[in-house]
Amino acid sequence: MAEASGFLAASVVDTFPAILLPIWLASFGGGALYSLAMTVLSDHPQAVRLFGFAISVQVAFQVLMLLSMLWFMVPGGLADCLYALLGLCVIGACLIHLLPAQSADSTNLDTMSVAEVLNQPKALLCLMACLVFFISIGAVWAYLERLGTLSGFAAVQLSQVLAGGVAISILGSITAV
């Protein structure tokens, strides 16, 4: 929920110092979320195949968002991008109860195909975590200068927010493991 809280707080501020903390909070949560998603994927005998599939899906999510942002996100500005990411976080939070406790799963993963594994709630939530993380990293960042400039931020300020966000997401990743 750190990521969702950060997106919500960042969507209502309009000054450089005020947006630093919420974006860094979202980045911390995003790093942790992605780290946990990779942990979920590794909990399978065919983890190597699933990691390869996850990378493919992440790139596909980025491409789809990069192509669609011009029509859906950019006209609404930075706040609408943050609201969209917040919405994905809330949907994921509502579905989190579907995950098995402490990775316990009653099915025999050794005999399941990759398609069967991907139809399980934990795999779907993992893909959703990748979606949120890589939309915010890969797609929103591509348009961040344009969106930020329209919102009154200077390019130097945006680069400082991004650099801080990346650094904080590393801390989130380490904290999750």
Protein backbone atom coordinates (compact mmCIF):
# COMPACT_ATOMS: atom_id res chain seq x y z
CA MET A 1 0.00 0.00 0.00
CA ALA A 2 3.04 2.28 0.19
CA GLU A 3 2.96 2.54 -3.58
CA ALA A 4 -0.75 3.39 -3.68
CA SER A 5 -0.35 5.96 -0.90
CA GLY A 6 2.53 7.58 -2.75
CA PHE A 7 0.59 7.80 -6.02
CA LEU A 8 -2.42 9.31 -4.24
CA ALA A 9 -0.36 11.89 -2.36
CA ALA A 10 1.66 12.82 -5.47
CA SER A 11 -1.52 13.40 -7.48
CA VAL A 12 -2.66 16.25 -5.22
CA VAL A 13 0.56 18.26 -4.89
CA ASP A 14 1.88 20.76 -7.39
CA THR A 15 5.26 21.89 -6.07
CA PHE A 16 8.65 20.27 -6.40
CA PRO A 17 9.53 19.79 -2.74
CA ALA A 18 6.05 18.46 -1.97
CA ILE A 19 6.11 15.79 -4.69
CA LEU A 20 9.47 14.30 -3.66
CA LEU A 21 8.28 12.34 -0.64
CA PRO A 22 5.15 10.79 -2.23
CA ILE A 23 7.02 9.70 -5.35
CA TRP A 24 9.78 8.22 -3.22
CA LEU A 25 7.17 6.43 -1.09
CA ALA A 26 5.60 5.00 -4.26
CA SER A 27 9.04 3.97 -5.49
CA PHE A 28 9.83 2.22 -2.21
CA GLY A 29 6.55 0.30 -2.47
CA GLY A 30 7.16 -0.44 -6.14
CA GLY A 31 10.58 -1.92 -5.47
CA ALA A 32 9.16 -4.11 -2.72
CA LEU A 33 6.21 -5.13 -4.90
CA TYR A 34 8.45 -6.15 -7.78
CA SER A 35 10.78 -8.07 -5.49
CA LEU A 36 7.85 -9.98 -4.01
CA ALA A 37 6.51 -10.70 -7.50
CA MET A 38 9.83 -12.24 -8.49
CA THR A 39 9.79 -14.30 -5.29
CA VAL A 40 6.36 -15.66 -6.22
CA LEU A 41 7.66 -16.63 -9.65
CA SER A 42 10.68 -18.38 -8.19
CA ASP A 43 8.42 -20.64 -6.11
CA HIS A 44 8.05 -23.13 -8.94
CA PRO A 45 10.15 -25.98 -10.32
CA GLN A 46 10.08 -24.30 -13.76
CA ALA A 47 11.13 -20.90 -12.39
CA VAL A 48 13.54 -20.22 -15.26
CA ARG A 49 10.73 -20.54 -17.82
CA LEU A 50 8.46 -18.35 -15.72
CA PHE A 51 11.12 -15.65 -15.36
CA GLY A 52 11.56 -15.63 -19.13
CA PHE A 53 7.81 -15.36 -19.58
CA ALA A 54 7.66 -12.58 -16.98
CA ILE A 55 10.27 -10.52 -18.84
CA SER A 56 8.31 -10.94 -22.08
CA VAL A 57 5.09 -9.87 -20.40
CA GLN A 58 6.79 -6.87 -18.78
CA VAL A 59 8.07 -5.64 -22.13
CA ALA A 60 4.63 -6.21 -23.68
CA PHE A 61 3.00 -4.15 -20.89
CA GLN A 62 5.47 -1.33 -21.52
CA VAL A 63 4.91 -1.34 -25.27
CA LEU A 64 1.12 -1.33 -24.90
CA MET A 65 1.25 1.53 -22.43
CA LEU A 66 3.71 3.56 -24.49
CA LEU A 67 1.43 3.23 -27.50
CA SER A 68 -1.76 4.02 -25.59
CA MET A 69 -0.57 6.80 -23.28
CA LEU A 70 -0.72 9.45 -25.99
CA TRP A 71 -4.47 8.94 -26.28
CA PHE A 72 -5.46 8.03 -22.74
CA MET A 73 -3.01 9.47 -20.22
CA VAL A 74 -1.23 12.49 -21.66
CA PRO A 75 -4.39 14.58 -22.20
CA GLY A 76 -5.29 14.13 -18.53
CA GLY A 77 -1.85 15.07 -17.28
CA LEU A 78 0.34 13.75 -14.52
CA ALA A 79 -2.49 13.43 -12.00
CA ASP A 80 -4.46 11.08 -14.28
CA CYS A 81 -1.38 8.88 -14.76
CA LEU A 82 -0.95 8.70 -11.00
CA TYR A 83 -4.67 7.91 -10.55
CA ALA A 84 -4.41 5.07 -13.09
CA LEU A 85 -1.45 3.59 -11.21
CA LEU A 86 -3.31 4.06 -7.93
CA GLY A 87 -6.29 2.18 -9.39
CA LEU A 88 -4.08 -0.77 -10.35
CA CYS A 89 -2.63 -0.84 -6.82
CA VAL A 90 -6.11 -0.83 -5.26
CA ILE A 91 -7.28 -3.67 -7.53
CA GLY A 92 -4.20 -5.68 -6.55
CA ALA A 93 -4.79 -4.98 -2.85
CA CYS A 94 -8.38 -6.21 -3.17
CA LEU A 95 -7.14 -9.46 -4.71
CA ILE A 96 -4.21 -10.10 -2.38
CA HIS A 97 -6.28 -12.43 -0.18
CA LEU A 98 -6.18 -14.95 -3.03
CA LEU A 99 -2.50 -15.65 -2.36
CA PRO A 100 -1.78 -18.80 -0.36
CA ALA A 101 -0.38 -18.29 3.14
CA GLN A 102 3.44 -18.28 3.16
CA SER A 103 3.62 -19.66 -0.36
CA ALA A 104 1.77 -22.83 0.73
CA ASP A 105 0.00 -24.34 -2.22
CA SER A 106 -2.01 -27.53 -2.28
CA THR A 107 -1.36 -28.25 -5.95
CA ASN A 108 1.58 -30.25 -7.21
CA LEU A 109 3.61 -27.71 -9.16
CA ASP A 110 5.96 -30.34 -10.58
CA THR A 111 3.29 -31.76 -12.87
CA MET A 112 1.68 -28.47 -13.91
CA SER A 113 2.32 -26.78 -17.22
CA VAL A 114 3.30 -23.12 -17.39
CA ALA A 115 -0.22 -22.27 -18.60
CA GLU A 116 -1.74 -23.99 -15.55
CA VAL A 117 0.64 -22.16 -13.24
CA LEU A 118 -0.21 -18.82 -14.83
CA ASN A 119 -3.92 -19.43 -14.22
CA GLN A 120 -3.37 -19.53 -10.46
CA PRO A 121 -4.19 -16.42 -8.41
CA LYS A 122 -0.62 -15.95 -7.20
CA ALA A 123 0.70 -15.94 -10.76
CA LEU A 124 -1.97 -13.48 -11.88
CA LEU A 125 -1.17 -11.19 -8.95
CA CYS A 126 2.51 -11.48 -9.78
CA LEU A 127 1.81 -10.38 -13.34
CA MET A 128 -0.29 -7.50 -11.99
CA ALA A 129 2.63 -6.43 -9.78
CA CYS A 130 4.86 -6.48 -12.86
CA LEU A 131 2.23 -4.46 -14.72
CA VAL A 132 2.14 -1.74 -12.06
CA PHE A 133 5.91 -1.62 -11.66
CA PHE A 134 6.74 -1.54 -15.35
CA ILE A 135 3.97 0.84 -16.33
CA SER A 136 5.27 3.31 -13.79
CA ILE A 137 8.92 2.69 -14.75
CA GLY A 138 8.72 2.04 -18.48
CA ALA A 139 5.73 3.94 -19.75
CA VAL A 140 5.01 6.83 -17.40
CA TRP A 141 8.69 7.76 -17.24
CA ALA A 142 8.81 8.06 -21.04
CA TYR A 143 6.27 10.88 -20.87
CA LEU A 144 7.21 12.24 -17.45
CA GLU A 145 9.03 15.31 -18.69
CA ARG A 146 6.12 16.29 -20.91
CA LEU A 147 3.56 15.61 -18.17
CA GLY A 148 5.67 17.30 -15.52
CA THR A 149 6.28 20.38 -17.66
CA LEU A 150 2.54 20.70 -18.25
CA SER A 151 2.10 20.48 -14.47
CA GLY A 152 4.66 23.24 -13.87
CA PHE A 153 7.78 21.23 -12.97
CA ALA A 154 11.23 21.95 -14.43
CA ALA A 155 13.19 19.18 -16.16
CA VAL A 156 15.90 19.38 -13.48
CA GLN A 157 13.31 18.82 -10.76
CA LEU A 158 11.88 15.81 -12.59
CA SER A 159 15.31 14.24 -13.00
CA GLN A 160 15.92 14.64 -9.26
CA VAL A 161 12.59 13.00 -8.46
CA LEU A 162 13.38 10.10 -10.82
CA ALA A 163 16.90 9.60 -9.48
CA GLY A 164 15.58 9.58 -5.93
CA GLY A 165 12.75 7.25 -6.91
CA VAL A 166 15.13 4.71 -8.41
CA ALA A 167 17.35 4.81 -5.34
CA ILE A 168 14.38 4.36 -3.02
CA SER A 169 13.00 1.46 -5.09
CA ILE A 170 16.29 -0.35 -4.53
CA LEU A 171 15.75 0.01 -0.79
CA GLY A 172 12.20 -1.31 -1.22
CA SER A 173 13.49 -4.34 -3.10
CA ILE A 174 16.06 -5.11 -0.44
CA THR A 175 13.51 -4.63 2.34
CA ALA A 176 11.09 -7.10 0.75
CA VAL A 177 13.65 -9.90 0.72
